[in-house]
C-alpha atoms as a PDB file:
ATOM      1  CA  MET A   1     -39.194  36.780  11.270  1.00  0.00           C
ATOM      2  CA  ALA A   2     -38.245  34.046  13.744  1.00  0.00           C
ATOM      3  CA  LEU A   3     -40.325  30.900  13.421  1.00  0.00           C
ATOM      4  CA  LEU A   4     -38.662  29.291  16.440  1.00  0.00           C
ATOM      5  CA  GLU A   5     -37.165  31.296  19.277  1.00  0.00           C
ATOM      6  CA  ILE A   6     -35.721  29.632  22.364  1.00  0.00           C
ATOM      7  CA  LYS A   7     -33.968  31.428  25.217  1.00  0.00           C
ATOM      8  CA  GLY A   8     -32.345  30.613  28.529  1.00  0.00           C
ATOM      9  CA  VAL A   9     -32.514  26.836  28.317  1.00  0.00           C
ATOM     10  CA  ASN A  10     -30.863  24.932  31.132  1.00  0.00           C
ATOM     11  CA  LYS A  11     -30.874  21.173  31.572  1.00  0.00           C
ATOM     12  CA  ARG A  12     -28.978  19.142  34.121  1.00  0.00           C
ATOM     13  CA  PHE A  13     -28.676  15.361  34.255  1.00  0.00           C
ATOM     14  CA  GLY A  14     -27.399  14.601  37.757  1.00  0.00           C
ATOM     15  CA  GLY A  15     -24.000  16.265  37.959  1.00  0.00           C
ATOM     16  CA  LEU A  16     -23.837  17.043  34.243  1.00  0.00           C
ATOM     17  CA  GLN A  17     -24.941  20.464  32.989  1.00  0.00           C
ATOM     18  CA  ALA A  18     -26.028  19.392  29.490  1.00  0.00           C
ATOM     19  CA  LEU A  19     -27.409  22.803  28.484  1.00  0.00           C
ATOM     20  CA  ASN A  20     -26.245  26.073  29.975  1.00  0.00           C
ATOM     21  CA  ASP A  21     -28.333  29.143  29.152  1.00  0.00           C
ATOM     22  CA  ALA A  22     -28.628  27.860  25.581  1.00  0.00           C
ATOM     23  CA  TYR A  23     -30.582  29.735  22.936  1.00  0.00           C
ATOM     24  CA  LEU A  24     -31.657  29.266  19.356  1.00  0.00           C
ATOM     25  CA  MET A  25     -33.339  31.341  16.673  1.00  0.00           C
ATOM     26  CA  VAL A  26     -34.664  29.793  13.464  1.00  0.00           C
ATOM     27  CA  PRO A  27     -35.887  32.292  10.848  1.00  0.00           C
ATOM     28  CA  LYS A  28     -38.955  31.302   8.888  1.00  0.00           C
ATOM     29  CA  GLY A  29     -38.304  29.796   5.465  1.00  0.00           C
ATOM     30  CA  LEU A  30     -34.661  28.799   5.964  1.00  0.00           C
ATOM     31  CA  ILE A  31     -32.573  25.708   6.641  1.00  0.00           C
ATOM     32  CA  VAL A  32     -30.696  26.192   9.912  1.00  0.00           C
ATOM     33  CA  GLY A  33     -27.925  23.990  11.280  1.00  0.00           C
ATOM     34  CA  LEU A  34     -27.116  23.111  14.884  1.00  0.00           C
ATOM     35  CA  ILE A  35     -23.558  21.797  15.127  1.00  0.00           C
ATOM     36  CA  GLY A  36     -20.790  21.199  17.624  1.00  0.00           C
ATOM     37  CA  PRO A  37     -18.310  18.573  18.769  1.00  0.00           C
ATOM     38  CA  ASN A  38     -19.438  15.288  20.304  1.00  0.00           C
ATOM     39  CA  GLY A  39     -21.043  15.853  23.690  1.00  0.00           C
ATOM     40  CA  ALA A  40     -21.789  19.512  22.953  1.00  0.00           C
ATOM     41  CA  GLY A  41     -25.473  19.141  23.899  1.00  0.00           C
ATOM     42  CA  LYS A  42     -27.067  19.146  20.443  1.00  0.00           C
ATOM     43  CA  THR A  43     -29.325  16.135  20.916  1.00  0.00           C
ATOM     44  CA  SER A  44     -30.173  17.233  24.466  1.00  0.00           C
ATOM     45  CA  PHE A  45     -31.302  20.551  23.000  1.00  0.00           C
ATOM     46  CA  PHE A  46     -33.448  18.740  20.424  1.00  0.00           C
ATOM     47  CA  ASN A  47     -34.906  16.453  23.080  1.00  0.00           C
ATOM     48  CA  VAL A  48     -35.843  19.372  25.329  1.00  0.00           C
ATOM     49  CA  MET A  49     -37.228  21.393  22.424  1.00  0.00           C
ATOM     50  CA  THR A  50     -39.438  18.516  21.257  1.00  0.00           C
ATOM     51  CA  GLY A  51     -40.766  17.389  24.631  1.00  0.00           C
ATOM     52  CA  LEU A  52     -38.711  14.239  25.276  1.00  0.00           C
ATOM     53  CA  TYR A  53     -36.995  15.771  28.319  1.00  0.00           C
ATOM     54  CA  PRO A  54     -38.328  18.586  30.513  1.00  0.00           C
ATOM     55  CA  ALA A  55     -36.146  21.700  30.593  1.00  0.00           C
ATOM     56  CA  ASP A  56     -35.049  23.002  33.973  1.00  0.00           C
ATOM     57  CA  SER A  57     -35.708  26.490  32.617  1.00  0.00           C
ATOM     58  CA  GLY A  58     -36.268  28.244  29.315  1.00  0.00           C
ATOM     59  CA  VAL A  59     -38.695  30.164  27.134  1.00  0.00           C
ATOM     60  CA  PHE A  60     -39.986  28.492  23.961  1.00  0.00           C
ATOM     61  CA  LYS A  61     -41.806  30.333  21.160  1.00  0.00           C
ATOM     62  CA  LEU A  62     -43.084  28.917  17.884  1.00  0.00           C
ATOM     63  CA  ASN A  63     -44.512  31.279  15.275  1.00  0.00           C
ATOM     64  CA  GLY A  64     -44.692  34.038  17.892  1.00  0.00           C
ATOM     65  CA  GLN A  65     -46.643  31.943  20.400  1.00  0.00           C
ATOM     66  CA  ILE A  66     -45.351  30.462  23.635  1.00  0.00           C
ATOM     67  CA  TYR A  67     -45.381  26.683  23.578  1.00  0.00           C
ATOM     68  CA  ASN A  68     -44.664  24.320  26.430  1.00  0.00           C
ATOM     69  CA  PRO A  69     -42.531  21.331  25.405  1.00  0.00           C
ATOM     70  CA  SER A  70     -43.909  19.109  28.156  1.00  0.00           C
ATOM     71  CA  ALA A  71     -44.976  16.207  25.936  1.00  0.00           C
ATOM     72  CA  VAL A  72     -44.029  14.968  22.472  1.00  0.00           C
ATOM     73  CA  ASP A  73     -47.627  14.919  21.199  1.00  0.00           C
ATOM     74  CA  GLU A  74     -48.249  18.493  22.324  1.00  0.00           C
ATOM     75  CA  VAL A  75     -45.100  19.708  20.561  1.00  0.00           C
ATOM     76  CA  LEU A  76     -46.206  17.849  17.429  1.00  0.00           C
ATOM     77  CA  LYS A  77     -49.608  19.515  17.552  1.00  0.00           C
ATOM     78  CA  ALA A  78     -47.918  22.887  18.033  1.00  0.00           C
ATOM     79  CA  GLY A  79     -46.140  22.343  14.712  1.00  0.00           C
ATOM     80  CA  ILE A  80     -42.720  20.743  15.271  1.00  0.00           C
ATOM     81  CA  ALA A  81     -42.044  17.311  13.756  1.00  0.00           C
ATOM     82  CA  ARG A  82     -38.729  15.552  14.221  1.00  0.00           C
ATOM     83  CA  THR A  83     -36.702  12.595  13.098  1.00  0.00           C
ATOM     84  CA  PHE A  84     -34.083  10.739  15.127  1.00  0.00           C
ATOM     85  CA  GLN A  85     -30.450   9.843  14.636  1.00  0.00           C
ATOM     86  CA  ASN A  86     -31.449   6.202  15.115  1.00  0.00           C
ATOM     87  CA  ILE A  87     -34.301   5.549  12.698  1.00  0.00           C
ATOM     88  CA  ARG A  88     -37.599   4.994  14.515  1.00  0.00           C
ATOM     89  CA  LEU A  89     -40.091   3.499  12.087  1.00  0.00           C
ATOM     90  CA  PHE A  90     -42.928   1.074  12.722  1.00  0.00           C
ATOM     91  CA  LYS A  91     -40.837  -1.664  11.208  1.00  0.00           C
ATOM     92  CA  GLU A  92     -43.600  -4.260  10.760  1.00  0.00           C
ATOM     93  CA  MET A  93     -45.944  -1.761   9.094  1.00  0.00           C
ATOM     94  CA  THR A  94     -45.832  -0.987   5.398  1.00  0.00           C
ATOM     95  CA  VAL A  95     -44.253   2.172   4.107  1.00  0.00           C
ATOM     96  CA  LEU A  96     -47.714   3.579   3.356  1.00  0.00           C
ATOM     97  CA  GLU A  97     -49.021   2.746   6.821  1.00  0.00           C
ATOM     98  CA  ASN A  98     -46.080   4.521   8.455  1.00  0.00           C
ATOM     99  CA  VAL A  99     -46.970   7.759   6.683  1.00  0.00           C
ATOM    100  CA  MET A 100     -50.673   7.280   7.429  1.00  0.00           C
ATOM    101  CA  VAL A 101     -49.802   7.166  11.145  1.00  0.00           C
ATOM    102  CA  GLY A 102     -48.221  10.604  10.815  1.00  0.00           C
ATOM    103  CA  ARG A 103     -51.169  11.907   8.828  1.00  0.00           C
ATOM    104  CA  HIS A 104     -53.679  10.903  11.520  1.00  0.00           C
ATOM    105  CA  VAL A 105     -52.231  13.597  13.794  1.00  0.00           C
ATOM    106  CA  ARG A 106     -54.003  16.198  11.612  1.00  0.00           C
ATOM    107  CA  THR A 107     -57.313  14.356  11.089  1.00  0.00           C
ATOM    108  CA  SER A 108     -60.481  14.319  13.132  1.00  0.00           C
ATOM    109  CA  ALA A 109     -60.959  10.566  13.233  1.00  0.00           C
ATOM    110  CA  GLY A 110     -57.768   9.553  14.989  1.00  0.00           C
ATOM    111  CA  LEU A 111     -55.797   6.426  14.243  1.00  0.00           C
ATOM    112  CA  PHE A 112     -57.632   3.911  16.422  1.00  0.00           C
ATOM    113  CA  ARG A 113     -61.143   5.147  15.740  1.00  0.00           C
ATOM    114  CA  THR A 114     -60.412   4.881  12.036  1.00  0.00           C
ATOM    115  CA  ILE A 115     -59.710   1.168  12.408  1.00  0.00           C
ATOM    116  CA  PHE A 116     -63.448   0.618  12.898  1.00  0.00           C
ATOM    117  CA  LYS A 117     -64.232   2.256   9.534  1.00  0.00           C
ATOM    118  CA  THR A 118     -67.539   3.931  10.424  1.00  0.00           C
ATOM    119  CA  SER A 119     -69.325   5.395   7.415  1.00  0.00           C
ATOM    120  CA  SER A 120     -68.543   8.966   8.430  1.00  0.00           C
ATOM    121  CA  GLN A 121     -64.820   8.190   8.347  1.00  0.00           C
ATOM    122  CA  ILE A 122     -64.512   6.350   5.040  1.00  0.00           C
ATOM    123  CA  LYS A 123     -64.069   9.519   2.986  1.00  0.00           C
ATOM    124  CA  GLU A 124     -61.471  10.882   5.366  1.00  0.00           C
ATOM    125  CA  GLU A 125     -59.602   7.563   5.326  1.00  0.00           C
ATOM    126  CA  LYS A 126     -59.384   7.659   1.533  1.00  0.00           C
ATOM    127  CA  GLN A 127     -58.004  11.172   1.750  1.00  0.00           C
ATOM    128  CA  ILE A 128     -55.385  10.008   4.262  1.00  0.00           C
ATOM    129  CA  VAL A 129     -54.247   7.286   1.868  1.00  0.00           C
ATOM    130  CA  ASP A 130     -54.106   9.768  -1.017  1.00  0.00           C
ATOM    131  CA  ASP A 131     -52.119  12.251   1.079  1.00  0.00           C
ATOM    132  CA  ALA A 132     -49.715   9.545   2.213  1.00  0.00           C
ATOM    133  CA  MET A 133     -49.108   8.369  -1.353  1.00  0.00           C
ATOM    134  CA  ARG A 134     -48.501  11.950  -2.440  1.00  0.00           C
ATOM    135  CA  LEU A 135     -45.848  12.352   0.257  1.00  0.00           C
ATOM    136  CA  LEU A 136     -44.171   9.090  -0.690  1.00  0.00           C
ATOM    137  CA  ALA A 137     -43.969  10.343  -4.270  1.00  0.00           C
ATOM    138  CA  TYR A 138     -42.637  13.664  -2.984  1.00  0.00           C
ATOM    139  CA  VAL A 139     -39.691  11.969  -1.251  1.00  0.00           C
ATOM    140  CA  GLY A 140     -39.194   9.507  -4.104  1.00  0.00           C
ATOM    141  CA  ILE A 141     -40.240   6.145  -2.624  1.00  0.00           C
ATOM    142  CA  GLU A 142     -43.812   5.734  -3.894  1.00  0.00           C
ATOM    143  CA  ASN A 143     -42.844   2.489  -5.642  1.00  0.00           C
ATOM    144  CA  GLU A 144     -42.100   0.988  -2.225  1.00  0.00           C
ATOM    145  CA  ALA A 145     -45.426   1.972  -0.645  1.00  0.00           C
ATOM    146  CA  HIS A 146     -46.540  -1.590   0.063  1.00  0.00           C
ATOM    147  CA  GLN A 147     -43.177  -2.912   1.247  1.00  0.00           C
ATOM    148  CA  VAL A 148     -42.741  -3.638   4.936  1.00  0.00           C
ATOM    149  CA  SER A 149     -40.662  -0.723   6.177  1.00  0.00           C
ATOM    150  CA  LYS A 150     -37.927  -2.853   7.771  1.00  0.00           C
ATOM    151  CA  ASN A 151     -37.111  -4.221   4.306  1.00  0.00           C
ATOM    152  CA  LEU A 152     -36.276  -0.801   2.841  1.00  0.00           C
ATOM    153  CA  SER A 153     -32.732   0.263   2.121  1.00  0.00           C
ATOM    154  CA  TYR A 154     -31.153   2.568   4.669  1.00  0.00           C
ATOM    155  CA  GLY A 155     -31.532   5.635   2.454  1.00  0.00           C
ATOM    156  CA  SER A 156     -35.202   4.863   1.766  1.00  0.00           C
ATOM    157  CA  GLN A 157     -35.855   4.445   5.486  1.00  0.00           C
ATOM    158  CA  ARG A 158     -34.454   7.927   6.031  1.00  0.00           C
ATOM    159  CA  ARG A 159     -36.763   9.265   3.336  1.00  0.00           C
ATOM    160  CA  LEU A 160     -39.700   7.470   4.897  1.00  0.00           C
ATOM    161  CA  GLU A 161     -38.977   9.103   8.254  1.00  0.00           C
ATOM    162  CA  ILE A 162     -39.027  12.489   6.565  1.00  0.00           C
ATOM    163  CA  ALA A 163     -42.279  11.678   4.741  1.00  0.00           C
ATOM    164  CA  ARG A 164     -43.920  10.593   7.991  1.00  0.00           C
ATOM    165  CA  ALA A 165     -42.792  13.808   9.693  1.00  0.00           C
ATOM    166  CA  LEU A 166     -44.089  15.906   6.786  1.00  0.00           C
ATOM    167  CA  ALA A 167     -47.453  14.124   7.064  1.00  0.00           C
ATOM    168  CA  THR A 168     -48.067  16.015  10.307  1.00  0.00           C
ATOM    169  CA  GLU A 169     -47.951  19.310   8.345  1.00  0.00           C
ATOM    170  CA  PRO A 170     -45.211  20.821  10.514  1.00  0.00           C
ATOM    171  CA  LEU A 171     -44.229  24.450  10.646  1.00  0.00           C
ATOM    172  CA  LEU A 172     -40.730  23.250  11.551  1.00  0.00           C
ATOM    173  CA  LEU A 173     -39.053  20.014  10.492  1.00  0.00           C
ATOM    174  CA  ALA A 174     -36.345  19.078  13.020  1.00  0.00           C
ATOM    175  CA  LEU A 175     -33.855  16.528  11.688  1.00  0.00           C
ATOM    176  CA  ASP A 176     -31.363  14.736  13.957  1.00  0.00           C
ATOM    177  CA  GLU A 177     -28.397  13.537  11.880  1.00  0.00           C
ATOM    178  CA  PRO A 178     -30.373  12.996   8.651  1.00  0.00           C
ATOM    179  CA  ALA A 179     -27.225  12.108   6.672  1.00  0.00           C
ATOM    180  CA  ALA A 180     -25.812   9.643   9.215  1.00  0.00           C
ATOM    181  CA  GLY A 181     -24.676   6.465   7.506  1.00  0.00           C
ATOM    182  CA  MET A 182     -25.204   7.793   3.990  1.00  0.00           C
ATOM    183  CA  ASN A 183     -22.703   7.639   1.147  1.00  0.00           C
ATOM    184  CA  GLN A 184     -21.870  10.739  -0.889  1.00  0.00           C
ATOM    185  CA  THR A 185     -24.503  10.054  -3.551  1.00  0.00           C
ATOM    186  CA  GLU A 186     -27.203   9.622  -0.916  1.00  0.00           C
ATOM    187  CA  LYS A 187     -26.064  12.817   0.792  1.00  0.00           C
ATOM    188  CA  ARG A 188     -26.355  14.794  -2.452  1.00  0.00           C
ATOM    189  CA  GLU A 189     -29.855  13.408  -2.995  1.00  0.00           C
ATOM    190  CA  LEU A 190     -30.771  14.266   0.608  1.00  0.00           C
ATOM    191  CA  GLN A 191     -29.519  17.813   0.125  1.00  0.00           C
ATOM    192  CA  GLN A 192     -31.711  18.199  -2.958  1.00  0.00           C
ATOM    193  CA  LEU A 193     -34.735  16.850  -1.070  1.00  0.00           C
ATOM    194  CA  LEU A 194     -34.228  19.168   1.898  1.00  0.00           C
ATOM    195  CA  GLN A 195     -33.803  22.178  -0.374  1.00  0.00           C
ATOM    196  CA  LYS A 196     -37.061  21.239  -2.125  1.00  0.00           C
ATOM    197  CA  ILE A 197     -38.886  20.885   1.203  1.00  0.00           C
ATOM    198  CA  CYS A 198     -37.667  24.314   2.297  1.00  0.00           C
ATOM    199  CA  GLU A 199     -38.515  25.934  -1.036  1.00  0.00           C
ATOM    200  CA  ASP A 200     -42.016  24.493  -0.728  1.00  0.00           C
ATOM    201  CA  GLY A 201     -42.559  26.281   2.569  1.00  0.00           C
ATOM    202  CA  THR A 202     -41.346  24.120   5.461  1.00  0.00           C
ATOM    203  CA  THR A 203     -38.594  25.549   7.671  1.00  0.00           C
ATOM    204  CA  ILE A 204     -35.862  23.060   8.620  1.00  0.00           C
ATOM    205  CA  LEU A 205     -33.590  22.781  11.659  1.00  0.00           C
ATOM    206  CA  MET A 206     -30.948  20.078  11.452  1.00  0.00           C
ATOM    207  CA  ILE A 207     -28.259  18.549  13.650  1.00  0.00           C
ATOM    208  CA  GLU A 208     -25.553  17.171  11.408  1.00  0.00           C
ATOM    209  CA  HIS A 209     -21.960  16.001  11.843  1.00  0.00           C
ATOM    210  CA  ASP A 210     -21.148  16.371   8.142  1.00  0.00           C
ATOM    211  CA  VAL A 211     -19.858  19.923   8.221  1.00  0.00           C
ATOM    212  CA  ARG A 212     -19.508  20.060   4.431  1.00  0.00           C
ATOM    213  CA  LEU A 213     -23.229  19.291   4.071  1.00  0.00           C
ATOM    214  CA  VAL A 214     -24.175  21.853   6.720  1.00  0.00           C
ATOM    215  CA  MET A 215     -22.075  24.566   5.137  1.00  0.00           C
ATOM    216  CA  GLY A 216     -23.532  23.787   1.724  1.00  0.00           C
ATOM    217  CA  ILE A 217     -27.201  23.767   2.665  1.00  0.00           C
ATOM    218  CA  CYS A 218     -27.751  25.984   5.726  1.00  0.00           C
ATOM    219  CA  SER A 219     -28.364  29.736   5.679  1.00  0.00           C
ATOM    220  CA  GLU A 220     -27.745  30.095   9.426  1.00  0.00           C
ATOM    221  CA  ILE A 221     -25.754  27.946  11.847  1.00  0.00           C
ATOM    222  CA  THR A 222     -25.707  27.790  15.638  1.00  0.00           C
ATOM    223  CA  VAL A 223     -22.700  26.173  17.309  1.00  0.00           C
ATOM    224  CA  LEU A 224     -22.859  24.520  20.725  1.00  0.00           C
ATOM    225  CA  ASP A 225     -19.929  23.527  22.906  1.00  0.00           C
ATOM    226  CA  GLU A 226     -20.339  22.050  26.381  1.00  0.00           C
ATOM    227  CA  GLY A 227     -23.979  23.057  26.428  1.00  0.00           C
ATOM    228  CA  ARG A 228     -23.357  26.709  25.576  1.00  0.00           C
ATOM    229  CA  VAL A 229     -23.868  28.589  22.330  1.00  0.00           C
ATOM    230  CA  ILE A 230     -20.462  29.822  21.188  1.00  0.00           C
ATOM    231  CA  ALA A 231     -21.414  31.170  17.758  1.00  0.00           C
ATOM    232  CA  GLN A 232     -24.422  31.952  15.623  1.00  0.00           C
ATOM    233  CA  GLY A 233     -24.566  33.345  12.111  1.00  0.00           C
ATOM    234  CA  SER A 234     -23.984  32.617   8.442  1.00  0.00           C
ATOM    235  CA  PRO A 235     -21.768  29.697   7.386  1.00  0.00           C
ATOM    236  CA  GLU A 236     -19.045  32.186   6.430  1.00  0.00           C
ATOM    237  CA  MET A 237     -19.130  33.832   9.861  1.00  0.00           C
ATOM    238  CA  VAL A 238     -19.187  30.545  11.733  1.00  0.00           C
ATOM    239  CA  ARG A 239     -16.372  29.030   9.657  1.00  0.00           C
ATOM    240  CA  LYS A 240     -14.044  31.890  10.619  1.00  0.00           C
ATOM    241  CA  ASP A 241     -15.070  32.248  14.274  1.00  0.00           C
ATOM    242  CA  PRO A 242     -12.017  31.620  16.516  1.00  0.00           C
ATOM    243  CA  ALA A 243     -14.120  30.042  19.274  1.00  0.00           C
ATOM    244  CA  VAL A 244     -15.617  27.603  16.789  1.00  0.00           C
ATOM    245  CA  ILE A 245     -12.241  26.719  15.297  1.00  0.00           C
ATOM    246  CA  GLU A 246     -10.860  26.041  18.766  1.00  0.00           C
ATOM    247  CA  ALA A 247     -13.821  23.908  19.859  1.00  0.00           C
ATOM    248  CA  TYR A 248     -14.381  22.158  16.577  1.00  0.00           C
ATOM    249  CA  LEU A 249     -10.957  21.530  15.107  1.00  0.00           C
ATOM    250  CA  GLY A 250     -10.924  21.362  11.324  1.00  0.00           C
ATOM    251  CA  LEU A 251     -14.226  23.165  10.854  1.00  0.00           C
ATOM    252  CA  ALA A 252     -12.567  26.070   9.082  1.00  0.00           C
ATOM    253  CA  HIS A 253     -11.127  23.743   6.467  1.00  0.00           C
ATOM    254  CA  ASN A 254     -14.212  21.615   5.753  1.00  0.00           C
ATOM    255  CA  GLY A 255     -16.796  22.737   3.245  1.00  0.00           C
END
């Protein structure tokens, strides 16, 4: 069953047609890759899908229900959480506080009301802290919970972004270049973490330039080129697709 189904997406920026009748299908319970050469439209697709940019046209379904990606907070409430190629943490907050911010999306109190600590919210606030600590342990950085987030290593900041996204209890975790800037050891550890997240019930969609990583972790891959989908299928199918090889030179020999 498709968890995410997107059809007929068009997006123009002035004279540039960034997305041209693009589509995407993400089956529930899998890790799916979205790849393509530089300028193919991958991040534009993510930005439209998650409410950063309005689509000129398109139909968006999540878990069988139409959703309207008109605002980031509405998409988040619908069940899609994302990370960014350029890490976007609250750098002056602690690691724990960053995850607590994500957790407040799914609580009744809300972040700013909770600051006042009314008696009816104290129990919920304790639960938020407990949930945040559990997620930090899940991604392997619980020992850094009280560090200011800007002081974390690059790899730990990536893990913190994932923990904060998971705190919103997403149906779909959308990752934009999660392995960017990582060495091979960090990439292997990331692959293990993403496989664990998927096995524990969260579907993942990822943009990634490291084709070897994509081929090793994804069950399905969609390939964009110049805003159009040119291939969709298993890694084996995509690797051998002539259109993909032509657009993405070297793909057939990586992975």
